[in-house]
């Protein structure tokens, strides 16, 4: 894996976490039925994506020798 590919993978992972975080914040802002049905699902998805992002970041650092 080269550094450019690693940067792209890290960028995609961080962007995915950011998107889910933004939807979660919107869910809290909107409230009502939407928040009741989606808040926990979005929180769990965010935690899983954060874990995946950390694994990707560590793998990129390991394989690029940085």
N, C-alpha and C. Protein backbone atom coordinates (compact mmCIF):
# COMPACT_ATOMS: atom_id res chain seq x y z
N UNK A 1 0.86 -1.17 0.00
CA UNK A 1 0.00 0.00 0.00
C UNK A 1 0.91 1.23 0.00
N UNK A 2 0.63 2.15 -0.91
CA UNK A 2 1.40 3.39 -0.93
C UNK A 2 0.71 4.46 -0.11
N UNK A 3 1.41 5.55 0.10
CA UNK A 3 0.91 6.61 0.97
C UNK A 3 -0.34 7.27 0.41
N UNK A 4 -0.40 7.46 -0.90
CA UNK A 4 -1.57 8.12 -1.51
C UNK A 4 -2.84 7.29 -1.32
N UNK A 5 -2.76 5.99 -1.52
CA UNK A 5 -3.90 5.12 -1.30
C UNK A 5 -4.32 5.15 0.16
N UNK A 6 -3.35 5.17 1.05
CA UNK A 6 -3.64 5.26 2.48
C UNK A 6 -4.35 6.54 2.85
N UNK A 7 -3.91 7.64 2.24
CA UNK A 7 -4.56 8.92 2.52
C UNK A 7 -6.02 8.91 2.06
N UNK A 8 -6.27 8.28 0.93
CA UNK A 8 -7.64 8.19 0.42
C UNK A 8 -8.50 7.34 1.36
N UNK A 9 -7.97 6.20 1.79
CA UNK A 9 -8.72 5.33 2.71
C UNK A 9 -9.03 6.03 4.02
N UNK A 10 -8.06 6.74 4.56
CA UNK A 10 -8.28 7.47 5.82
C UNK A 10 -9.31 8.57 5.61
N UNK A 11 -9.21 9.27 4.49
CA UNK A 11 -10.17 10.33 4.19
C UNK A 11 -11.59 9.81 4.08
N UNK A 12 -11.76 8.68 3.41
CA UNK A 12 -13.10 8.09 3.27
C UNK A 12 -13.64 7.66 4.63
N UNK A 13 -12.79 7.05 5.45
CA UNK A 13 -13.23 6.60 6.78
C UNK A 13 -13.64 7.78 7.65
N UNK A 14 -12.85 8.84 7.65
CA UNK A 14 -13.16 10.01 8.47
C UNK A 14 -14.41 10.70 7.95
N UNK A 15 -14.56 10.77 6.63
CA UNK A 15 -15.75 11.39 6.06
C UNK A 15 -17.01 10.61 6.42
N UNK A 16 -16.93 9.27 6.43
CA UNK A 16 -18.09 8.45 6.80
C UNK A 16 -18.49 8.72 8.25
N UNK A 17 -17.51 8.81 9.14
CA UNK A 17 -17.80 9.12 10.54
C UNK A 17 -18.43 10.50 10.65
N UNK A 18 -17.89 11.47 9.92
CA UNK A 18 -18.42 12.83 9.94
C UNK A 18 -19.87 12.87 9.47
N UNK A 19 -20.18 12.14 8.40
CA UNK A 19 -21.55 12.13 7.88
C UNK A 19 -22.54 11.56 8.89
N UNK A 20 -22.18 10.45 9.51
CA UNK A 20 -23.07 9.84 10.50
C UNK A 20 -23.21 10.75 11.71
N UNK A 21 -22.13 11.41 12.11
CA UNK A 21 -22.20 12.35 13.22
C UNK A 21 -23.14 13.51 12.90
N UNK A 22 -23.07 14.04 11.68
CA UNK A 22 -23.95 15.14 11.28
C UNK A 22 -25.41 14.71 11.26
N UNK A 23 -25.69 13.52 10.76
CA UNK A 23 -27.07 13.03 10.75
C UNK A 23 -27.56 12.82 12.18
N UNK A 24 -26.68 12.35 13.07
CA UNK A 24 -27.05 12.19 14.47
C UNK A 24 -27.36 13.51 15.14
N UNK A 25 -26.56 14.53 14.86
CA UNK A 25 -26.83 15.85 15.42
C UNK A 25 -28.15 16.39 14.88
N UNK A 26 -28.40 16.18 13.59
CA UNK A 26 -29.68 16.60 13.00
C UNK A 26 -30.84 15.88 13.67
N UNK A 27 -30.64 14.60 13.96
CA UNK A 27 -31.67 13.81 14.63
C UNK A 27 -32.01 14.41 15.99
N UNK A 28 -30.99 14.81 16.74
CA UNK A 28 -31.23 15.43 18.04
C UNK A 28 -31.93 16.77 17.88
N UNK A 29 -31.57 17.53 16.86
CA UNK A 29 -32.18 18.83 16.62
C UNK A 29 -33.65 18.69 16.23
N UNK A 30 -33.93 17.72 15.36
CA UNK A 30 -35.29 17.56 14.87
C UNK A 30 -36.22 16.99 15.94
N UNK A 31 -35.74 16.00 16.67
CA UNK A 31 -36.54 15.39 17.73
C UNK A 31 -37.70 14.59 17.19
N UNK A 32 -38.67 14.30 18.03
CA UNK A 32 -39.88 13.58 17.62
C UNK A 32 -39.63 12.13 17.26
N UNK A 33 -40.47 11.62 16.37
CA UNK A 33 -40.40 10.22 15.97
C UNK A 33 -39.08 9.88 15.28
N UNK A 34 -38.58 10.80 14.49
CA UNK A 34 -37.31 10.55 13.80
C UNK A 34 -36.19 10.29 14.80
N UNK A 35 -36.09 11.12 15.81
CA UNK A 35 -35.04 10.96 16.82
C UNK A 35 -35.22 9.67 17.61
N UNK A 36 -36.47 9.35 17.97
CA UNK A 36 -36.71 8.13 18.74
C UNK A 36 -36.31 6.88 17.97
N UNK A 37 -36.56 6.88 16.66
CA UNK A 37 -36.29 5.67 15.89
C UNK A 37 -34.85 5.60 15.38
N UNK A 38 -34.12 6.71 15.30
CA UNK A 38 -32.80 6.69 14.68
C UNK A 38 -31.64 7.00 15.61
N UNK A 39 -31.86 7.60 16.77
CA UNK A 39 -30.74 8.05 17.61
C UNK A 39 -29.81 6.91 18.01
N UNK A 40 -30.35 5.83 18.55
CA UNK A 40 -29.50 4.71 18.98
C UNK A 40 -28.83 4.02 17.81
N UNK A 41 -29.55 3.87 16.70
CA UNK A 41 -28.95 3.24 15.51
C UNK A 41 -27.77 4.05 14.99
N UNK A 42 -27.95 5.37 14.94
CA UNK A 42 -26.87 6.23 14.46
C UNK A 42 -25.68 6.24 15.41
N UNK A 43 -25.96 6.19 16.71
CA UNK A 43 -24.86 6.17 17.68
C UNK A 43 -24.05 4.87 17.54
N UNK A 44 -24.74 3.77 17.39
CA UNK A 44 -24.04 2.49 17.21
C UNK A 44 -23.24 2.49 15.91
N UNK A 45 -23.84 3.00 14.84
CA UNK A 45 -23.14 3.06 13.55
C UNK A 45 -21.91 3.96 13.65
N UNK A 46 -22.02 5.07 14.36
CA UNK A 46 -20.88 5.97 14.53
C UNK A 46 -19.75 5.30 15.28
N UNK A 47 -20.08 4.56 16.33
CA UNK A 47 -19.05 3.86 17.11
C UNK A 47 -18.35 2.81 16.24
N UNK A 48 -19.11 2.07 15.45
CA UNK A 48 -18.51 1.06 14.57
C UNK A 48 -17.62 1.72 13.52
N UNK A 49 -18.09 2.83 12.94
CA UNK A 49 -17.29 3.52 11.93
C UNK A 49 -16.04 4.15 12.55
N UNK A 50 -16.13 4.64 13.77
CA UNK A 50 -14.94 5.17 14.43
C UNK A 50 -13.92 4.06 14.69
N UNK A 51 -14.39 2.90 15.09
CA UNK A 51 -13.49 1.77 15.29
C UNK A 51 -12.82 1.38 13.98
N UNK A 52 -13.61 1.32 12.91
CA UNK A 52 -13.05 0.99 11.59
C UNK A 52 -12.05 2.04 11.15
N UNK A 53 -12.34 3.32 11.41
CA UNK A 53 -11.42 4.39 11.03
C UNK A 53 -10.10 4.26 11.78
N UNK A 54 -10.16 3.93 13.05
CA UNK A 54 -8.93 3.76 13.83
C UNK A 54 -8.12 2.59 13.29
N UNK A 55 -8.79 1.49 12.96
CA UNK A 55 -8.09 0.33 12.39
C UNK A 55 -7.44 0.70 11.06
N UNK A 56 -8.16 1.43 10.21
CA UNK A 56 -7.62 1.84 8.92
C UNK A 56 -6.42 2.77 9.11
N UNK A 57 -6.54 3.72 10.02
CA UNK A 57 -5.42 4.64 10.27
C UNK A 57 -4.19 3.88 10.76
N UNK A 58 -4.39 2.96 11.69
CA UNK A 58 -3.26 2.18 12.20
C UNK A 58 -2.65 1.30 11.11
N UNK A 59 -3.49 0.71 10.26
CA UNK A 59 -2.99 -0.14 9.18
C UNK A 59 -2.19 0.69 8.17
N UNK A 60 -2.67 1.88 7.85
CA UNK A 60 -1.95 2.75 6.92
C UNK A 60 -0.60 3.14 7.52
N UNK A 61 -0.60 3.50 8.78
CA UNK A 61 0.68 3.85 9.42
C UNK A 61 1.64 2.66 9.44
N UNK A 62 1.13 1.48 9.69
CA UNK A 62 1.98 0.29 9.75
C UNK A 62 2.53 -0.07 8.37
N UNK A 63 1.66 -0.11 7.37
CA UNK A 63 2.08 -0.57 6.05
C UNK A 63 2.89 0.46 5.26
N UNK A 64 2.72 1.74 5.58
CA UNK A 64 3.53 2.75 4.89
C UNK A 64 4.83 3.04 5.62
N UNK A 65 4.98 2.52 6.82
CA UNK A 65 6.20 2.69 7.57
C UNK A 65 6.38 4.09 8.10
N UNK A 66 5.28 4.80 8.27
CA UNK A 66 5.36 6.18 8.76
C UNK A 66 5.44 6.21 10.27
